[in-house]
Protein backbone atom coordinates (compact mmCIF):
# COMPACT_ATOMS: atom_id res chain seq x y z
CA MET A 1 -73.79 -111.66 79.67
CA ALA A 2 -70.22 -110.36 79.83
CA PRO A 3 -67.63 -111.45 78.51
CA ALA A 4 -65.75 -114.05 81.37
CA HIS A 5 -62.62 -112.95 80.05
CA PRO A 6 -61.23 -110.12 77.61
CA LEU A 7 -61.99 -111.03 74.19
CA ILE A 8 -58.73 -112.42 72.09
CA ILE A 9 -58.43 -110.34 69.28
CA THR A 10 -57.30 -112.84 67.14
CA ASP A 11 -60.36 -115.65 68.02
CA LEU A 12 -62.67 -112.46 66.19
CA LEU A 13 -60.43 -114.54 62.88
CA SER A 14 -62.39 -117.77 63.22
CA LEU A 15 -66.22 -115.85 64.05
CA PRO A 16 -68.55 -115.87 61.26
CA ASP A 17 -67.49 -112.71 59.89
CA GLN A 18 -65.50 -111.97 61.87
CA THR A 19 -67.35 -110.37 64.29
CA TYR A 20 -68.49 -110.96 67.69
CA ILE A 21 -71.85 -109.94 69.28
CA TRP A 22 -72.78 -108.98 72.97
CA SER A 23 -75.77 -108.92 74.25
CA VAL A 24 -75.72 -106.69 77.23
CA LEU A 25 -76.86 -106.73 79.95
CA GLU A 26 -74.14 -105.20 82.84
CA SER A 27 -74.78 -103.49 85.96
CA TRP A 28 -70.85 -101.88 87.54
CA GLY A 29 -70.15 -101.59 90.84
CA GLU A 30 -68.88 -97.55 89.31
CA LEU A 31 -71.36 -97.02 87.58
CA SER A 32 -74.37 -96.63 89.93
CA THR A 33 -77.33 -97.32 87.67
CA LEU A 34 -81.59 -98.15 88.80
CA THR A 35 -81.79 -100.18 85.91
CA PRO A 36 -78.70 -102.45 83.95
CA VAL A 37 -77.48 -101.62 80.79
CA GLN A 38 -79.12 -103.02 77.98
CA GLY A 39 -78.24 -103.30 74.53
CA TRP A 40 -75.41 -104.74 72.18
CA LEU A 41 -72.18 -104.93 71.67
CA LYS A 42 -70.71 -105.41 68.53
CA VAL A 43 -66.31 -106.12 67.42
CA THR A 44 -65.04 -107.16 63.85
CA HIS A 45 -62.24 -107.49 62.75
CA LEU A 46 -61.53 -105.97 59.21
CA LYS A 47 -57.89 -106.93 58.89
CA SER A 48 -55.62 -103.99 59.53
CA TYR A 49 -58.39 -102.36 62.21
CA ILE A 50 -60.99 -103.81 64.45
CA GLN A 51 -64.69 -101.68 64.80
CA VAL A 52 -66.43 -101.60 68.15
CA LYS A 53 -69.80 -99.90 67.81
CA THR A 54 -72.81 -100.15 70.69
CA GLU A 55 -75.62 -98.98 71.70
CA VAL A 56 -76.88 -99.00 74.61
CA LYS A 57 -79.53 -97.83 77.76
CA THR A 58 -80.04 -97.16 81.19
CA ILE A 59 -81.38 -94.91 84.03
CA ILE A 60 -78.68 -93.44 85.74
CA THR A 61 -79.76 -91.37 88.59
CA LEU A 62 -77.28 -88.16 88.69
CA THR A 63 -76.99 -85.13 90.59
CA CYS A 64 -77.66 -81.46 88.88
CA ASP A 65 -74.79 -79.25 89.14
CA ARG A 66 -77.18 -76.27 89.94
CA CYS A 67 -79.85 -77.38 92.81
CA LEU A 68 -78.02 -79.93 94.01
CA GLN A 69 -80.79 -82.39 94.23
CA ASN A 70 -81.20 -85.54 92.81
CA TYR A 71 -83.20 -86.65 89.44
CA ASN A 72 -83.12 -89.45 87.08
CA HIS A 73 -81.97 -89.23 83.76
CA ARG A 74 -81.81 -92.00 80.26
CA LEU A 75 -78.43 -92.21 78.98
CA PHE A 76 -78.40 -93.22 75.84
CA CYS A 77 -75.10 -94.88 74.87
CA ASP A 78 -74.81 -95.10 70.17
CA ALA A 79 -70.80 -95.31 70.04
CA GLU A 80 -68.49 -97.01 67.34
CA GLU A 81 -64.61 -96.85 67.32
CA LEU A 82 -62.24 -98.29 65.39
CA LEU A 83 -58.92 -99.21 67.50
CA TRP A 84 -55.36 -99.62 65.01
CA LEU A 85 -53.91 -103.57 64.69
CA ALA A 86 -50.73 -102.13 66.11
CA THR A 87 -48.43 -105.17 65.01
CA ALA A 88 -44.64 -106.65 66.67
CA THR A 89 -43.18 -105.31 63.40
CA GLU A 90 -44.77 -101.78 62.96
CA PRO A 91 -46.34 -100.83 66.37
CA ASP A 92 -47.00 -97.14 65.76
CA ALA A 93 -47.90 -96.92 61.66
CA PRO A 94 -52.10 -97.18 61.00
CA GLN A 95 -51.76 -98.93 57.51
CA ASP A 96 -54.76 -98.58 54.96
CA GLY A 97 -53.96 -94.61 55.01
CA LEU A 98 -56.74 -94.67 58.22
CA ALA A 99 -54.12 -92.71 60.09
CA GLY A 100 -56.97 -89.59 60.85
CA ASP A 101 -59.99 -91.96 61.60
CA LEU A 102 -58.06 -93.75 64.36
CA VAL A 103 -57.40 -92.36 67.47
CA GLU A 104 -56.24 -95.84 69.58
CA ALA A 105 -54.16 -98.82 68.68
CA VAL A 106 -54.58 -102.70 70.42
CA ASP A 107 -52.08 -105.40 70.15
CA ALA A 108 -53.39 -107.25 67.37
CA GLN A 109 -51.94 -110.89 69.36
CA GLY A 110 -53.77 -109.38 72.54
CA THR A 111 -56.85 -108.62 73.85
CA LEU A 112 -59.93 -106.11 74.11
CA ASP A 113 -61.42 -105.72 77.50
CA LEU A 114 -65.01 -105.04 76.30
CA ALA A 115 -66.78 -104.47 79.59
CA ASP A 116 -64.11 -102.04 79.93
CA TRP A 117 -64.25 -100.42 76.59
CA LEU A 118 -68.26 -100.12 77.14
CA TYR A 119 -67.88 -98.81 81.24
CA GLN A 120 -66.17 -95.70 79.04
CA GLN A 121 -67.74 -94.48 76.44
CA LEU A 122 -71.07 -94.91 79.01
CA CYS A 123 -69.23 -92.01 81.20
CA LEU A 124 -68.75 -89.97 78.04
CA ALA A 125 -71.81 -90.41 76.78
CA LEU A 126 -72.67 -88.75 79.96
CA PRO A 127 -74.16 -84.95 79.92
CA HIS A 128 -72.24 -82.32 81.25
CA PRO A 129 -73.11 -79.87 82.70
CA GLN A 130 -75.99 -81.72 84.52
CA ARG A 131 -79.29 -80.53 85.18
CA CYS A 132 -81.94 -81.93 86.38
CA GLU A 133 -83.89 -79.41 84.09
CA ALA A 134 -83.16 -76.35 81.44
CA THR A 135 -84.78 -73.58 83.40
CA CYS A 136 -83.43 -75.30 86.96
CA PRO A 137 -83.15 -71.87 89.10
CA GLY A 138 -80.55 -73.41 91.41
CA ILE A 139 -80.15 -73.15 94.82
CA GLN A 140 -82.66 -71.35 96.73
CA LEU A 141 -82.24 -69.21 99.96
CA LYS A 142 -84.30 -68.06 102.25
CA PRO A 143 -83.40 -65.88 104.86
CA GLU A 144 -83.52 -67.12 108.52
CA PRO A 145 -85.32 -64.52 110.47
CA ILE A 146 -83.23 -62.17 113.19
CA THR A 147 -84.27 -64.15 116.53
CA PRO A 148 -84.10 -62.01 119.62
CA PRO A 149 -81.95 -61.82 122.69
CA THR A 150 -82.50 -64.10 125.65
CA GLU A 151 -81.45 -64.55 128.70
CA SER A 152 -78.52 -66.49 128.21
CA TRP A 153 -77.41 -64.18 125.52
CA ASP A 154 -74.14 -63.06 125.60
CA ASP A 155 -73.81 -59.64 127.14
CA ARG A 156 -70.83 -58.53 124.72
CA TRP A 157 -73.37 -58.38 122.62
CA ALA A 158 -76.06 -55.87 123.62
CA ALA A 159 -74.00 -52.90 122.08
CA LEU A 160 -74.93 -54.11 119.03
CA ALA A 161 -77.90 -55.26 118.99
CA GLN A 162 -79.05 -51.72 120.16
CA LEU A 163 -77.37 -50.88 117.61
CA ARG A 164 -79.16 -52.94 115.13
CA GLN A 165 -82.36 -52.12 117.22
CA ALA A 166 -81.99 -48.87 116.29
CA LEU A 167 -80.59 -48.16 112.75
CA GLU A 168 -83.96 -50.55 111.51
CA PRO A 169 -86.34 -48.78 109.24
CA ASN A 170 -88.83 -48.53 111.54
CA ASN A 171 -87.21 -46.79 114.50
CA VAL A 172 -85.27 -44.37 112.10
CA GLU A 173 -87.86 -42.94 110.83
CA LYS A 174 -89.85 -42.05 114.23
CA ASN A 175 -86.25 -40.74 115.59
């Protein structure tokens, strides 16, 4: 079950091992999945940063970029991110020499929306390009047969029809 509200970062300090574990069984309206997203998400407070890890899976319907047909895809997300805890005194400086590893920062006294973080990770895990199969040939066009003119046909096109008939391979050989 999803947290009813964003996780308060300072609440992590009172949990065993300063870790919060969310057993994920969710559906998002923005991400139309055939099955609920299932798995786990773990947040650990590590003094100057927090570690967020997840392993989730679902089945999603995608549209092939080549043939434009819908197909089902098993989506697995195995993600980990370190978030630096910014303080009011040092809002821009990562601590513990982790500047190269940390990309994002959150307020040490603030909150973390786990559902939003997980949604972003799932979006990043989507395949690009989206192909129904590796050998998808793309859209197959079938030439439409040319229909002969009917009586309701515009007479102004009669000259073009005569020219086309004269240029057809069978008629060229006869002349």
